[in-house]
């Protein structure tokens, strides 16, 4: 949930109503947006 809050600037109230599947979907969107804006870091 921290990823979603950081990328989309959403608070707990916006995320509280979402079920787990929806949260996981938004988490993936947040990850993708972060990589587009900041570049993917290589895993070493």
N, C-alpha and C. Protein backbone atom coordinates (compact mmCIF):
# COMPACT_ATOMS: atom_id res chain seq x y z
N UNK A 1 0.81 -1.19 0.00
CA UNK A 1 0.00 0.00 0.00
C UNK A 1 0.86 1.25 0.00
N UNK A 2 2.05 1.15 0.54
CA UNK A 2 2.93 2.32 0.55
C UNK A 2 3.31 2.72 -0.87
N UNK A 3 3.51 1.74 -1.74
CA UNK A 3 3.84 2.05 -3.14
C UNK A 3 2.72 2.85 -3.79
N UNK A 4 1.49 2.44 -3.56
CA UNK A 4 0.33 3.13 -4.13
C UNK A 4 0.24 4.55 -3.58
N UNK A 5 0.39 4.68 -2.27
CA UNK A 5 0.30 5.99 -1.64
C UNK A 5 1.38 6.93 -2.17
N UNK A 6 2.59 6.43 -2.33
CA UNK A 6 3.70 7.26 -2.78
C UNK A 6 3.52 7.72 -4.23
N UNK A 7 3.12 6.83 -5.10
CA UNK A 7 3.02 7.15 -6.52
C UNK A 7 1.77 7.95 -6.85
N UNK A 8 0.64 7.54 -6.29
CA UNK A 8 -0.63 8.17 -6.64
C UNK A 8 -1.10 9.20 -5.61
N UNK A 9 -0.38 9.31 -4.49
CA UNK A 9 -0.72 10.27 -3.43
C UNK A 9 -2.11 9.99 -2.85
N UNK A 10 -2.38 8.71 -2.65
CA UNK A 10 -3.64 8.29 -2.05
C UNK A 10 -3.42 7.99 -0.58
N UNK A 11 -4.40 8.30 0.22
CA UNK A 11 -4.35 7.99 1.64
C UNK A 11 -5.06 6.68 1.93
N UNK A 12 -5.00 6.25 3.20
CA UNK A 12 -5.65 4.99 3.58
C UNK A 12 -7.15 4.97 3.29
N UNK A 13 -7.81 6.11 3.37
CA UNK A 13 -9.26 6.14 3.13
C UNK A 13 -9.59 5.72 1.70
N UNK A 14 -8.78 6.13 0.72
CA UNK A 14 -9.05 5.76 -0.66
C UNK A 14 -8.82 4.27 -0.89
N UNK A 15 -7.85 3.70 -0.19
CA UNK A 15 -7.50 2.30 -0.43
C UNK A 15 -8.31 1.34 0.43
N UNK A 16 -8.87 1.82 1.52
CA UNK A 16 -9.57 0.96 2.47
C UNK A 16 -10.74 0.22 1.84
N UNK A 17 -11.43 0.84 0.91
CA UNK A 17 -12.60 0.23 0.30
C UNK A 17 -12.24 -0.83 -0.77
N UNK A 18 -10.99 -0.90 -1.16
CA UNK A 18 -10.58 -1.83 -2.22
C UNK A 18 -10.35 -3.22 -1.67
N UNK A 19 -10.69 -4.23 -2.46
CA UNK A 19 -10.37 -5.59 -2.06
C UNK A 19 -8.91 -5.89 -2.44
N UNK A 20 -8.42 -7.04 -2.01
CA UNK A 20 -7.01 -7.37 -2.20
C UNK A 20 -6.61 -7.40 -3.67
N UNK A 21 -7.45 -7.98 -4.52
CA UNK A 21 -7.13 -8.07 -5.94
C UNK A 21 -6.98 -6.67 -6.56
N UNK A 22 -7.87 -5.76 -6.18
CA UNK A 22 -7.81 -4.40 -6.71
C UNK A 22 -6.55 -3.69 -6.20
N UNK A 23 -6.22 -3.89 -4.93
CA UNK A 23 -4.99 -3.29 -4.38
C UNK A 23 -3.76 -3.81 -5.12
N UNK A 24 -3.73 -5.10 -5.40
CA UNK A 24 -2.58 -5.67 -6.10
C UNK A 24 -2.47 -5.12 -7.52
N UNK A 25 -3.62 -4.90 -8.17
CA UNK A 25 -3.63 -4.30 -9.51
C UNK A 25 -3.07 -2.89 -9.46
N UNK A 26 -3.52 -2.08 -8.50
CA UNK A 26 -3.02 -0.71 -8.38
C UNK A 26 -1.55 -0.68 -7.97
N UNK A 27 -1.12 -1.66 -7.19
CA UNK A 27 0.29 -1.74 -6.80
C UNK A 27 1.17 -1.97 -8.04
N UNK A 28 0.72 -2.84 -8.93
CA UNK A 28 1.46 -3.09 -10.17
C UNK A 28 1.48 -1.83 -11.04
N UNK A 29 0.38 -1.12 -11.12
CA UNK A 29 0.35 0.13 -11.88
C UNK A 29 1.32 1.15 -11.28
N UNK A 30 1.37 1.20 -9.96
CA UNK A 30 2.30 2.12 -9.29
C UNK A 30 3.74 1.75 -9.62
N UNK A 31 4.05 0.45 -9.60
CA UNK A 31 5.41 0.00 -9.93
C UNK A 31 5.78 0.39 -11.35
N UNK A 32 4.86 0.17 -12.29
CA UNK A 32 5.12 0.51 -13.69
C UNK A 32 5.32 2.02 -13.87
N UNK A 33 4.49 2.81 -13.22
CA UNK A 33 4.62 4.26 -13.35
C UNK A 33 5.94 4.74 -12.76
N UNK A 34 6.33 4.17 -11.62
CA UNK A 34 7.59 4.56 -10.99
C UNK A 34 8.76 4.24 -11.93
N UNK A 35 8.74 3.08 -12.55
CA UNK A 35 9.82 2.71 -13.47
C UNK A 35 9.85 3.63 -14.69
N UNK A 36 8.70 4.02 -15.21
CA UNK A 36 8.67 4.94 -16.35
C UNK A 36 9.23 6.30 -15.98
N UNK A 37 8.92 6.77 -14.79
CA UNK A 37 9.35 8.10 -14.38
C UNK A 37 10.79 8.13 -13.88
N UNK A 38 11.25 7.04 -13.28
CA UNK A 38 12.55 7.05 -12.61
C UNK A 38 13.53 6.03 -13.16
N UNK A 39 13.09 5.24 -14.10
CA UNK A 39 13.95 4.23 -14.68
C UNK A 39 14.02 2.99 -13.81
N UNK A 40 14.10 1.86 -14.46
CA UNK A 40 14.21 0.60 -13.74
C UNK A 40 15.62 0.44 -13.24
N UNK A 41 15.76 -0.02 -12.04
CA UNK A 41 17.08 -0.28 -11.48
C UNK A 41 17.45 -1.72 -11.75
N UNK A 42 18.71 -1.94 -12.07
CA UNK A 42 19.14 -3.30 -12.31
C UNK A 42 19.26 -4.03 -10.98
N UNK A 43 18.93 -5.31 -10.99
CA UNK A 43 19.03 -6.12 -9.79
C UNK A 43 20.39 -6.79 -9.79
N UNK A 44 21.14 -6.56 -8.74
CA UNK A 44 22.47 -7.18 -8.64
C UNK A 44 22.57 -8.04 -7.43
